[in-house]
Protein backbone atom coordinates (compact mmCIF):
# COMPACT_ATOMS: atom_id res chain seq x y z
CA UNK A 1 -204.52 -1.57 149.74
CA UNK A 2 -203.37 1.89 150.08
CA UNK A 3 -199.52 2.33 151.11
CA UNK A 4 -198.16 5.60 152.48
CA UNK A 5 -194.19 5.33 151.90
CA UNK A 6 -191.84 7.55 153.90
CA UNK A 7 -188.96 8.18 151.55
CA UNK A 8 -186.37 9.57 154.03
CA UNK A 9 -183.26 10.27 151.81
CA UNK A 10 -182.39 13.54 153.51
CA UNK A 11 -183.85 12.73 156.85
CA UNK A 12 -187.17 13.64 158.72
CA UNK A 13 -188.45 16.38 160.77
CA UNK A 14 -191.98 17.43 162.08
CA UNK A 15 -192.24 20.46 159.73
CA UNK A 16 -191.14 18.49 156.81
CA UNK A 17 -193.57 15.79 157.47
CA UNK A 18 -196.58 18.36 157.64
CA UNK A 19 -195.41 20.19 154.61
CA UNK A 20 -195.13 16.79 152.61
CA UNK A 21 -198.69 16.05 153.57
CA UNK A 22 -199.93 19.38 152.48
CA UNK A 23 -198.14 18.74 149.27
CA UNK A 24 -199.60 15.37 149.01
CA UNK A 25 -203.06 16.90 149.24
CA UNK A 26 -203.85 17.64 152.55
CA UNK A 27 -206.20 20.89 152.52
CA UNK A 28 -204.50 23.71 154.51
CA UNK A 29 -208.03 25.09 155.71
CA UNK A 30 -208.80 21.75 157.16
CA UNK A 31 -205.32 21.25 158.91
CA UNK A 32 -206.01 24.84 160.55
CA UNK A 33 -209.56 24.13 161.53
CA UNK A 34 -208.55 20.86 163.25
CA UNK A 35 -205.38 22.61 165.02
CA UNK A 36 -207.84 25.21 166.42
CA UNK A 37 -209.52 22.52 168.41
CA UNK A 38 -206.35 22.48 170.64
CA UNK A 39 -206.24 24.85 173.73
CA UNK A 40 -203.19 26.36 172.09
CA UNK A 41 -202.50 30.13 171.31
CA UNK A 42 -199.52 32.47 170.64
CA UNK A 43 -198.70 30.83 167.30
CA UNK A 44 -199.24 31.25 163.62
CA UNK A 45 -198.79 28.92 160.49
CA UNK A 46 -196.60 29.78 157.56
CA UNK A 47 -197.12 27.47 154.62
CA UNK A 48 -195.07 28.44 151.53
CA UNK A 49 -193.96 26.96 148.11
CA UNK A 50 -190.09 26.43 147.30
CA UNK A 51 -187.79 24.05 145.69
CA UNK A 52 -184.80 21.99 146.68
CA UNK A 53 -182.46 20.88 143.47
CA UNK A 54 -185.14 21.98 141.16
CA UNK A 55 -187.99 20.02 142.92
CA UNK A 56 -191.01 21.83 143.85
CA UNK A 57 -192.03 21.18 147.68
CA UNK A 58 -193.87 22.72 150.44
CA UNK A 59 -192.33 24.45 153.47
CA UNK A 60 -194.21 24.45 156.79
CA UNK A 61 -193.21 26.62 159.78
CA UNK A 62 -194.82 27.30 163.25
CA UNK A 63 -194.15 30.87 164.15
CA UNK A 64 -194.29 31.04 168.05
CA UNK A 65 -194.79 34.07 170.39
CA UNK A 66 -194.07 32.32 173.77
CA UNK A 67 -196.36 33.05 176.92
CA UNK A 68 -194.72 34.13 180.02
CA UNK A 69 -194.00 30.52 181.48
CA UNK A 70 -191.24 28.78 179.72
CA UNK A 71 -191.93 25.23 179.57
CA UNK A 72 -195.06 22.63 179.36
CA UNK A 73 -194.90 19.14 181.05
CA UNK A 74 -195.59 16.17 179.15
CA UNK A 75 -198.60 15.40 181.24
CA UNK A 76 -200.06 18.73 180.63
CA UNK A 77 -199.48 18.20 176.84
CA UNK A 78 -201.17 14.81 177.02
CA UNK A 79 -204.15 16.11 178.99
CA UNK A 80 -204.70 18.82 176.34
CA UNK A 81 -204.72 16.53 173.46
CA UNK A 82 -207.26 14.13 175.50
CA UNK A 83 -209.53 16.85 176.33
CA UNK A 84 -209.72 18.41 172.69
CA UNK A 85 -212.64 17.54 170.41
CA UNK A 86 -210.29 16.24 168.02
CA UNK A 87 -211.36 12.84 166.44
CA UNK A 88 -210.12 9.74 168.45
CA UNK A 89 -207.68 8.47 165.62
CA UNK A 90 -205.98 11.78 165.62
CA UNK A 91 -205.79 11.86 169.42
CA UNK A 92 -204.33 8.41 169.47
CA UNK A 93 -201.83 8.75 166.69
CA UNK A 94 -200.61 12.16 168.23
CA UNK A 95 -200.37 10.66 171.72
CA UNK A 96 -198.48 7.77 170.43
CA UNK A 97 -195.74 10.06 168.75
CA UNK A 98 -195.35 12.39 171.59
CA UNK A 99 -194.90 9.52 174.10
CA UNK A 100 -191.90 8.27 172.11
CA UNK A 101 -190.35 11.58 172.54
CA UNK A 102 -191.35 11.94 176.30
CA UNK A 103 -190.12 8.38 177.05
CA UNK A 104 -186.75 9.16 175.46
CA UNK A 105 -186.37 12.64 177.20
CA UNK A 106 -187.27 10.79 180.54
CA UNK A 107 -184.63 8.11 179.91
CA UNK A 108 -181.75 10.47 178.92
CA UNK A 109 -182.38 12.94 181.75
CA UNK A 110 -183.33 10.44 184.45
CA UNK A 111 -186.66 11.75 184.94
CA UNK A 112 -190.36 10.30 185.15
CA UNK A 113 -192.59 10.63 182.28
CA UNK A 114 -194.65 13.42 184.33
CA UNK A 115 -191.60 15.31 185.22
CA UNK A 116 -190.53 15.67 181.52
CA UNK A 117 -190.95 19.26 180.23
CA UNK A 118 -190.47 20.93 176.85
CA UNK A 119 -189.35 24.29 176.49
CA UNK A 120 -192.41 26.61 175.52
CA UNK A 121 -191.19 27.44 171.93
CA UNK A 122 -190.28 23.75 171.30
CA UNK A 123 -193.48 22.35 172.77
CA UNK A 124 -195.86 24.58 170.69
CA UNK A 125 -193.80 23.75 167.68
CA UNK A 126 -193.86 19.95 168.57
CA UNK A 127 -197.50 19.93 169.35
CA UNK A 128 -198.45 21.58 166.09
CA UNK A 129 -196.11 19.34 164.07
CA UNK A 130 -197.32 16.10 165.74
CA UNK A 131 -200.93 16.91 165.82
CA UNK A 132 -200.54 18.32 162.33
CA UNK A 133 -199.17 14.78 161.17
CA UNK A 134 -201.91 12.83 162.96
CA UNK A 135 -204.49 15.17 161.06
CA UNK A 136 -202.84 14.27 157.91
CA UNK A 137 -202.58 10.61 158.47
CA UNK A 138 -206.26 10.60 159.31
CA UNK A 139 -207.26 12.41 156.24
CA UNK A 140 -205.52 9.94 154.00
CA UNK A 141 -206.20 6.80 156.04
CA UNK A 142 -203.55 4.59 154.58
CA UNK A 143 -203.88 0.99 155.18
CA UNK A 144 -200.17 0.44 155.68
CA UNK A 145 -197.36 3.08 156.43
CA UNK A 146 -193.84 2.14 155.47
CA UNK A 147 -190.42 3.94 155.56
CA UNK A 148 -186.80 3.81 154.19
CA UNK A 149 -183.97 3.56 156.58
CA UNK A 150 -183.27 6.94 158.45
CA UNK A 151 -179.91 8.72 157.46
CA UNK A 152 -177.81 9.84 160.40
CA UNK A 153 -175.91 13.25 160.14
CA UNK A 154 -172.97 14.17 162.22
CA UNK A 155 -171.50 17.19 164.13
CA UNK A 156 -173.17 18.98 166.87
CA UNK A 157 -176.19 21.01 167.39
CA UNK A 158 -177.17 23.77 169.98
CA UNK A 159 -180.42 23.56 171.87
CA UNK A 160 -181.83 24.34 175.27
CA UNK A 161 -179.56 21.86 176.99
CA UNK A 162 -176.27 23.20 175.29
CA UNK A 163 -174.24 21.82 172.55
CA UNK A 164 -175.18 18.25 171.87
CA UNK A 165 -173.64 15.59 169.59
CA UNK A 166 -175.39 14.44 166.44
CA UNK A 167 -177.42 12.34 166.18
CA UNK A 168 -179.18 14.02 169.14
CA UNK A 169 -179.31 11.86 172.12
CA UNK A 170 -183.21 12.02 172.06
CA UNK A 171 -183.17 10.89 168.44
CA UNK A 172 -180.81 7.80 168.95
CA UNK A 173 -183.01 6.73 172.01
CA UNK A 174 -186.14 6.90 169.94
CA UNK A 175 -184.49 4.81 167.25
CA UNK A 176 -183.12 2.05 169.18
CA UNK A 177 -183.67 -1.17 167.33
CA UNK A 178 -184.74 0.81 164.38
CA UNK A 179 -182.63 0.68 161.00
CA UNK A 180 -180.60 3.57 160.24
CA UNK A 181 -177.99 4.40 157.94
CA UNK A 182 -174.76 6.64 157.84
CA UNK A 183 -174.86 9.94 155.92
CA UNK A 184 -171.58 11.79 155.40
CA UNK A 185 -173.34 15.31 156.10
CA UNK A 186 -172.70 17.74 158.76
CA UNK A 187 -175.76 18.77 160.47
CA UNK A 188 -178.96 17.20 161.86
CA UNK A 189 -180.86 15.12 159.43
CA UNK A 190 -183.35 13.45 161.51
CA UNK A 191 -184.86 15.36 164.53
CA UNK A 192 -186.41 13.80 167.85
CA UNK A 193 -189.81 14.95 166.50
CA UNK A 194 -188.91 13.41 163.01
CA UNK A 195 -187.74 10.24 164.52
CA UNK A 196 -190.84 9.92 166.88
CA UNK A 197 -193.11 10.28 163.89
CA UNK A 198 -191.47 7.72 161.71
CA UNK A 199 -191.07 5.29 164.58
CA UNK A 200 -194.57 5.52 165.69
CA UNK A 201 -196.23 5.47 162.24
CA UNK A 202 -194.25 3.18 160.36
CA UNK A 203 -195.07 -0.66 160.22
CA UNK A 204 -191.78 -1.70 158.46
CA UNK A 205 -188.38 -0.38 157.06
CA UNK A 206 -187.66 -1.57 153.51
CA UNK A 207 -186.81 -0.40 149.90
CA UNK A 208 -189.41 1.21 147.78
CA UNK A 209 -192.61 -1.05 147.85
CA UNK A 210 -194.34 -2.27 144.93
CA UNK A 211 -197.41 -0.11 144.34
CA UNK A 212 -199.22 2.03 141.80
CA UNK A 213 -198.20 5.66 142.55
CA UNK A 214 -201.08 7.85 143.01
CA UNK A 215 -199.67 10.80 144.66
CA UNK A 216 -196.24 12.31 145.79
CA UNK A 217 -195.65 15.03 148.25
CA UNK A 218 -192.31 16.73 149.10
CA UNK A 219 -191.69 18.60 152.55
CA UNK A 220 -188.88 21.22 152.37
CA UNK A 221 -186.25 21.46 155.20
CA UNK A 222 -184.30 24.61 155.60
CA UNK A 223 -180.75 23.97 154.69
CA UNK A 224 -179.13 23.05 151.37
CA UNK A 225 -177.03 19.78 151.13
CA UNK A 226 -174.30 19.23 148.71
CA UNK A 227 -175.21 15.78 147.72
CA UNK A 228 -178.86 15.56 148.03
CA UNK A 229 -181.93 17.77 148.03
CA UNK A 230 -183.23 18.36 151.66
CA UNK A 231 -186.82 16.93 151.12
CA UNK A 232 -188.82 14.47 152.90
CA UNK A 233 -190.79 12.54 150.07
CA UNK A 234 -194.11 10.94 150.95
CA UNK A 235 -195.50 8.42 148.30
CA UNK A 236 -199.33 7.40 148.35
CA UNK A 237 -200.29 4.56 146.27
CA UNK A 238 -202.13 1.15 145.90
CA UNK A 239 -200.35 -2.10 146.48
CA UNK A 240 -199.82 -3.91 142.97
CA UNK A 241 -202.30 -6.84 142.60
CA UNK A 242 -203.19 -6.83 146.26
CA UNK A 243 -199.53 -8.04 147.07
CA UNK A 244 -197.35 -6.19 149.46
CA UNK A 245 -193.70 -6.97 150.76
CA UNK A 246 -192.03 -6.26 154.12
CA UNK A 247 -189.68 -7.70 156.50
CA UNK A 248 -190.39 -9.51 159.74
CA UNK A 249 -188.32 -10.90 162.76
CA UNK A 250 -188.35 -14.73 163.26
CA UNK A 251 -187.51 -15.76 166.76
CA UNK A 252 -186.59 -19.55 167.43
CA UNK A 253 -185.53 -21.83 170.19
CA UNK A 254 -185.35 -25.55 171.22
CA UNK A 255 -186.96 -26.39 174.34
CA UNK A 256 -186.59 -29.80 175.93
CA UNK A 257 -187.13 -29.40 179.77
CA UNK A 258 -190.46 -27.44 180.26
CA UNK A 259 -193.72 -28.50 181.69
CA UNK A 260 -196.16 -28.97 178.44
CA UNK A 261 -198.85 -27.08 180.47
CA UNK A 262 -196.79 -24.00 180.39
CA UNK A 263 -196.84 -23.65 176.49
CA UNK A 264 -200.48 -22.24 176.29
CA UNK A 265 -199.83 -19.62 178.63
CA UNK A 266 -196.56 -18.57 176.74
CA UNK A 267 -198.17 -18.60 173.46
CA UNK A 268 -201.16 -16.27 174.83
CA UNK A 269 -198.35 -14.00 176.23
CA UNK A 270 -196.57 -13.70 172.94
CA UNK A 271 -199.77 -12.88 171.12
CA UNK A 272 -200.78 -10.25 173.62
CA UNK A 273 -197.56 -8.67 173.29
CA UNK A 274 -197.71 -8.31 169.47
CA UNK A 275 -196.72 -11.64 167.88
CA UNK A 276 -197.95 -12.03 164.33
CA UNK A 277 -197.75 -15.98 164.76
CA UNK A 278 -196.55 -18.52 167.10
CA UNK A 279 -196.01 -22.13 166.27
CA UNK A 280 -194.88 -25.16 168.14
CA UNK A 281 -193.28 -28.07 166.44
CA UNK A 282 -192.12 -31.50 167.69
CA UNK A 283 -188.47 -32.44 167.86
CA UNK A 284 -186.05 -35.19 168.61
CA UNK A 285 -183.01 -33.57 170.26
CA UNK A 286 -179.55 -34.79 171.42
CA UNK A 287 -179.54 -37.95 173.50
CA UNK A 288 -182.83 -38.78 171.64
CA UNK A 289 -184.88 -36.34 174.04
CA UNK A 290 -188.24 -35.20 172.67
CA UNK A 291 -188.34 -31.47 172.45
CA UNK A 292 -190.25 -28.64 171.03
CA UNK A 293 -189.44 -25.90 168.57
CA UNK A 294 -190.93 -22.58 169.30
CA UNK A 295 -191.15 -20.22 166.43
CA UNK A 296 -192.47 -16.70 166.56
CA UNK A 297 -193.20 -14.26 163.73
CA UNK A 298 -193.12 -10.59 164.54
CA UNK A 299 -192.67 -7.04 163.27
CA UNK A 300 -189.16 -6.00 163.50
CA UNK A 301 -189.72 -3.41 166.16
CA UNK A 302 -191.34 -6.27 168.37
CA UNK A 303 -188.65 -8.63 167.98
CA UNK A 304 -186.46 -7.80 170.92
CA UNK A 305 -189.39 -7.47 173.54
CA UNK A 306 -190.67 -10.88 172.46
CA UNK A 307 -187.38 -12.58 172.89
CA UNK A 308 -187.28 -11.16 176.48
CA UNK A 309 -190.70 -12.62 177.07
CA UNK A 310 -189.58 -15.96 175.81
CA UNK A 311 -186.49 -15.97 178.02
CA UNK A 312 -188.81 -15.02 181.08
CA UNK A 313 -191.40 -17.30 180.45
CA UNK A 314 -189.72 -20.53 179.08
CA UNK A 315 -186.85 -22.71 180.44
CA UNK A 316 -184.67 -22.05 177.23
CA UNK A 317 -181.30 -20.36 177.68
CA UNK A 318 -181.31 -18.56 174.24
CA UNK A 319 -183.35 -17.27 171.40
CA UNK A 320 -182.12 -17.10 167.72
CA UNK A 321 -183.31 -13.99 165.77
CA UNK A 322 -183.10 -13.20 162.25
CA UNK A 323 -184.90 -10.97 159.74
CA UNK A 324 -186.66 -12.48 156.60
CA UNK A 325 -188.43 -10.83 153.64
CA UNK A 326 -192.05 -11.60 153.48
CA UNK A 327 -194.75 -11.42 150.55
CA UNK A 328 -198.25 -11.25 151.61
CA UNK A 329 -201.70 -10.57 150.24
CA UNK A 330 -203.52 -7.46 151.20
CA UNK A 331 -206.84 -8.35 153.15
CA UNK A 332 -210.19 -6.54 154.08
CA UNK A 333 -213.05 -7.67 156.37
CA UNK A 334 -216.82 -7.60 155.40
CA UNK A 335 -219.65 -8.43 157.57
CA UNK A 336 -222.25 -10.62 155.59
CA UNK A 337 -225.86 -11.65 156.82
CA UNK A 338 -226.57 -15.21 157.02
CA UNK A 339 -229.67 -17.14 158.10
CA UNK A 340 -227.83 -17.81 161.30
CA UNK A 341 -226.72 -14.34 161.90
CA UNK A 342 -223.88 -12.07 160.99
CA UNK A 343 -220.45 -13.52 159.97
CA UNK A 344 -217.18 -11.62 159.16
CA UNK A 345 -215.56 -12.88 156.21
CA UNK A 346 -211.85 -12.00 155.23
CA UNK A 347 -211.35 -11.08 151.38
CA UNK A 348 -207.64 -11.32 150.27
CA UNK A 349 -206.25 -9.45 147.26
CA UNK A 350 -206.34 -12.63 145.20
CA UNK A 351 -210.19 -12.62 145.62
CA UNK A 352 -210.34 -15.69 148.10
CA UNK A 353 -212.91 -15.57 150.75
CA UNK A 354 -212.47 -16.90 154.33
CA UNK A 355 -215.13 -16.78 157.17
CA UNK A 356 -213.70 -15.74 160.31
CA UNK A 357 -213.49 -18.98 162.57
CA UNK A 358 -214.41 -17.22 165.81
CA UNK A 359 -217.65 -15.84 164.38
CA UNK A 360 -218.44 -19.19 162.91
CA UNK A 361 -217.86 -21.00 166.21
CA UNK A 362 -219.89 -18.28 168.13
CA UNK A 363 -222.92 -18.63 165.96
CA UNK A 364 -222.70 -22.45 165.81
CA UNK A 365 -222.85 -22.60 169.63
CA UNK A 366 -225.60 -20.12 169.74
CA UNK A 367 -227.84 -21.69 167.03
CA UNK A 368 -227.05 -25.32 167.91
CA UNK A 369 -225.90 -26.03 164.23
CA UNK A 370 -222.74 -27.63 163.03
CA UNK A 371 -219.86 -25.17 162.39
CA UNK A 372 -219.51 -26.44 158.78
CA UNK A 373 -222.87 -25.24 158.02
CA UNK A 374 -222.18 -22.01 159.35
CA UNK A 375 -219.07 -21.63 157.36
CA UNK A 376 -220.82 -22.71 153.96
CA UNK A 377 -223.51 -20.37 154.59
CA UNK A 378 -221.23 -17.55 154.88
CA UNK A 379 -219.40 -18.36 151.72
CA UNK A 380 -222.83 -18.29 149.80
CA UNK A 381 -223.36 -14.75 150.54
CA UNK A 382 -222.27 -12.17 148.18
CA UNK A 383 -219.89 -9.62 149.52
CA UNK A 384 -220.35 -6.27 148.35
């Protein structure tokens, strides 16, 4: 399983991300051809080599010649991306990142999403950085994207709205419920665009993952810092022996006064909102009352929304939440042809095969044969 790791020891920004992707191996000609599919003009790209603390890196800058109008609305940007001939995954990744920024700006300024606007120079810069990042992710197609915690600088930054404290309000809004760490550095380490890229792409925050490193790319920031090189490091590699590690949220509560018929509805809602697993276990509670332990496993970013859902849809008065480390085998899916029809088979990093239950159930009902027979037939097939 391919892992792309964002090592953000000096922060993250849009231009640093694209620079690191180019240094990682993203062809500049491909990047330019893809960006030309956008209805966007009055800009040029500057790609250059440099170094920080003796480490070779790539710098990336968008040079903008603004058009007469001075801003672009979020809806206009979204429509431009959707109407472009860019591949669907590139559009989807781009829109997911841009929505993070737009939602943060709307919250801060008390506007609707459609009212949010970006200054023309900033809009072109952000569009190129964000879509350029999506192009790079689509080019490398990692199975999993992970990141280190983001370091927060201090001080003030001057922008369109005047002088703002650091971390910038939009950056903090984007990074709500996301792990950060203090950095005793004056200046902006994580920009709103950098925060949105990492937040939208990362599937977990943790120390350096166990993997066989294949490529390393460094994206260069403008400033020099006294205690660290101003670089964003991207590391691409294969997980070791098909095993990866991450952190997940576990949510628990004890319930002793809910209609049992409602548990199915609650479980369906939890899965629909992103829960990785939901289990119910019988309990004997105080005063010898029978009860139920509800346990939910979820990605860290989904913990709070799922806790809110539990409080809304169940009779519990509280939810316990804690973070745990998890080791897991990588998995891929293959489709095999059996005498009963096509069945998907899950293949883990340890070489174990598991036919997909829903496929076996569907075929068993269609053909009128025992599900165990369908299961055995799927296991017989050689998976290429």
